[in-house]
Amino acid sequence: MRDTLDRSKLNETHVIHVSYWAAAKAAAGVASDDLSVDAPISLSEVVRRAVALHPGSRLPDVLKACSALVGDRPVSSADPDAVMVSPGSSVEFLPPFAGG
């Protein structure tokens, strides 16, 4: 019987694409980051890793005020420890916007 497992993908890592908007972009100094993952991680872990990429910045304080989208789904008041983000997903951090 032939082994159909693609062994080239056994050690493959994937990314979670993180986008920062407005004040979050200014605090991070970049528009986005890619986090290497090999399994789903919590939104809390996404935040922890994003902050670690920008030491000494205002990013931790800005992200506390941000709304988050995982894919196109608003996270709203969900517990960030319970929100799982899969490899290949995107997370967007949107600070509160003034005006209308």
Protein backbone atom coordinates (compact mmCIF):
# COMPACT_ATOMS: atom_id res chain seq x y z
CA MET A 1 0.00 0.00 0.00
CA ARG A 2 1.35 3.40 -0.94
CA ASP A 3 1.88 6.02 1.79
CA THR A 4 -0.13 9.09 0.70
CA LEU A 5 1.01 11.35 3.55
CA ASP A 6 2.79 14.42 2.23
CA ARG A 7 5.88 14.39 4.43
CA SER A 8 6.99 17.82 3.18
CA LYS A 9 4.15 19.36 5.17
CA LEU A 10 4.90 17.67 8.50
CA ASN A 11 7.06 20.52 9.80
CA GLU A 12 5.24 23.28 7.94
CA THR A 13 4.33 26.34 9.97
CA HIS A 14 1.50 28.68 9.21
CA VAL A 15 0.86 32.28 10.05
CA ILE A 16 -1.79 34.40 11.63
CA HIS A 17 -1.85 37.79 9.91
CA VAL A 18 -2.29 40.66 12.38
CA SER A 19 -3.35 44.09 11.08
CA TYR A 20 -3.17 47.29 13.08
CA TRP A 21 -5.33 50.31 12.28
CA ALA A 22 -5.07 54.00 13.23
CA ALA A 23 -3.50 54.43 16.71
CA ALA A 24 -2.57 50.74 16.86
CA LYS A 25 -0.64 51.12 13.60
CA ALA A 26 1.10 54.21 14.96
CA ALA A 27 1.98 52.44 18.23
CA ALA A 28 3.32 49.33 16.48
CA GLY A 29 5.16 51.35 13.84
CA VAL A 30 3.96 48.91 11.17
CA ALA A 31 0.64 48.14 9.49
CA SER A 32 0.81 44.40 10.15
CA ASP A 33 2.72 41.43 11.50
CA ASP A 34 2.68 37.73 10.68
CA LEU A 35 2.82 35.36 13.65
CA SER A 36 4.19 31.88 12.97
CA VAL A 37 2.02 29.17 14.50
CA ASP A 38 1.59 25.44 14.09
CA ALA A 39 -1.77 25.16 15.86
CA PRO A 40 -4.65 27.42 16.92
CA ILE A 41 -3.81 29.93 19.66
CA SER A 42 -6.00 32.12 21.83
CA LEU A 43 -6.62 35.77 21.04
CA SER A 44 -4.82 36.53 24.31
CA GLU A 45 -1.75 34.75 22.93
CA VAL A 46 -2.03 36.73 19.67
CA VAL A 47 -1.98 39.94 21.71
CA ARG A 48 0.94 38.71 23.83
CA ARG A 49 2.99 37.81 20.75
CA ALA A 50 2.12 41.05 18.94
CA VAL A 51 3.19 43.10 21.95
CA ALA A 52 6.44 41.12 22.22
CA LEU A 53 7.29 42.11 18.63
CA HIS A 54 7.20 45.80 19.59
CA PRO A 55 8.95 46.16 22.97
CA GLY A 56 8.95 49.60 24.54
CA SER A 57 6.03 50.79 22.41
CA ARG A 58 2.60 52.02 23.48
CA LEU A 59 1.08 48.98 21.76
CA PRO A 60 0.01 47.15 24.97
CA ASP A 61 -2.06 50.13 26.14
CA VAL A 62 -3.52 50.79 22.69
CA LEU A 63 -4.54 47.14 22.17
CA LYS A 64 -6.42 47.19 25.50
CA ALA A 65 -8.75 49.83 24.01
CA CYS A 66 -9.10 48.15 20.61
CA SER A 67 -11.91 46.12 19.17
CA ALA A 68 -10.74 42.92 17.50
CA LEU A 69 -11.95 41.09 14.43
CA VAL A 70 -10.98 37.47 13.87
CA GLY A 71 -11.51 36.96 10.18
CA ASP A 72 -14.63 39.03 9.58
CA ARG A 73 -16.15 38.19 12.98
CA PRO A 74 -16.16 40.87 15.72
CA VAL A 75 -14.96 39.49 19.02
CA SER A 76 -16.84 42.13 21.06
CA SER A 77 -16.99 41.17 24.76
CA ALA A 78 -15.88 37.54 24.37
CA ASP A 79 -13.14 36.31 26.71
CA PRO A 80 -9.88 36.60 24.71
CA ASP A 81 -8.62 33.43 26.40
CA ALA A 82 -11.60 31.55 24.93
CA VAL A 83 -11.41 32.98 21.40
CA MET A 84 -9.27 30.64 19.30
CA VAL A 85 -7.45 31.87 16.21
CA SER A 86 -6.54 29.22 13.64
CA PRO A 87 -3.45 29.19 11.45
CA GLY A 88 -4.22 31.03 8.23
CA SER A 89 -6.62 33.42 9.94
CA SER A 90 -6.38 37.17 10.20
CA VAL A 91 -6.83 39.37 13.27
CA GLU A 92 -7.47 43.09 13.01
CA PHE A 93 -7.13 45.56 15.87
CA LEU A 94 -9.33 48.62 15.51
CA PRO A 95 -9.00 51.46 18.03
CA PRO A 96 -12.11 53.46 18.91
CA PHE A 97 -12.78 56.00 16.18
CA ALA A 98 -13.85 59.57 16.86
CA GLY A 99 -16.36 61.38 14.72
CA GLY A 100 -19.02 59.91 12.54
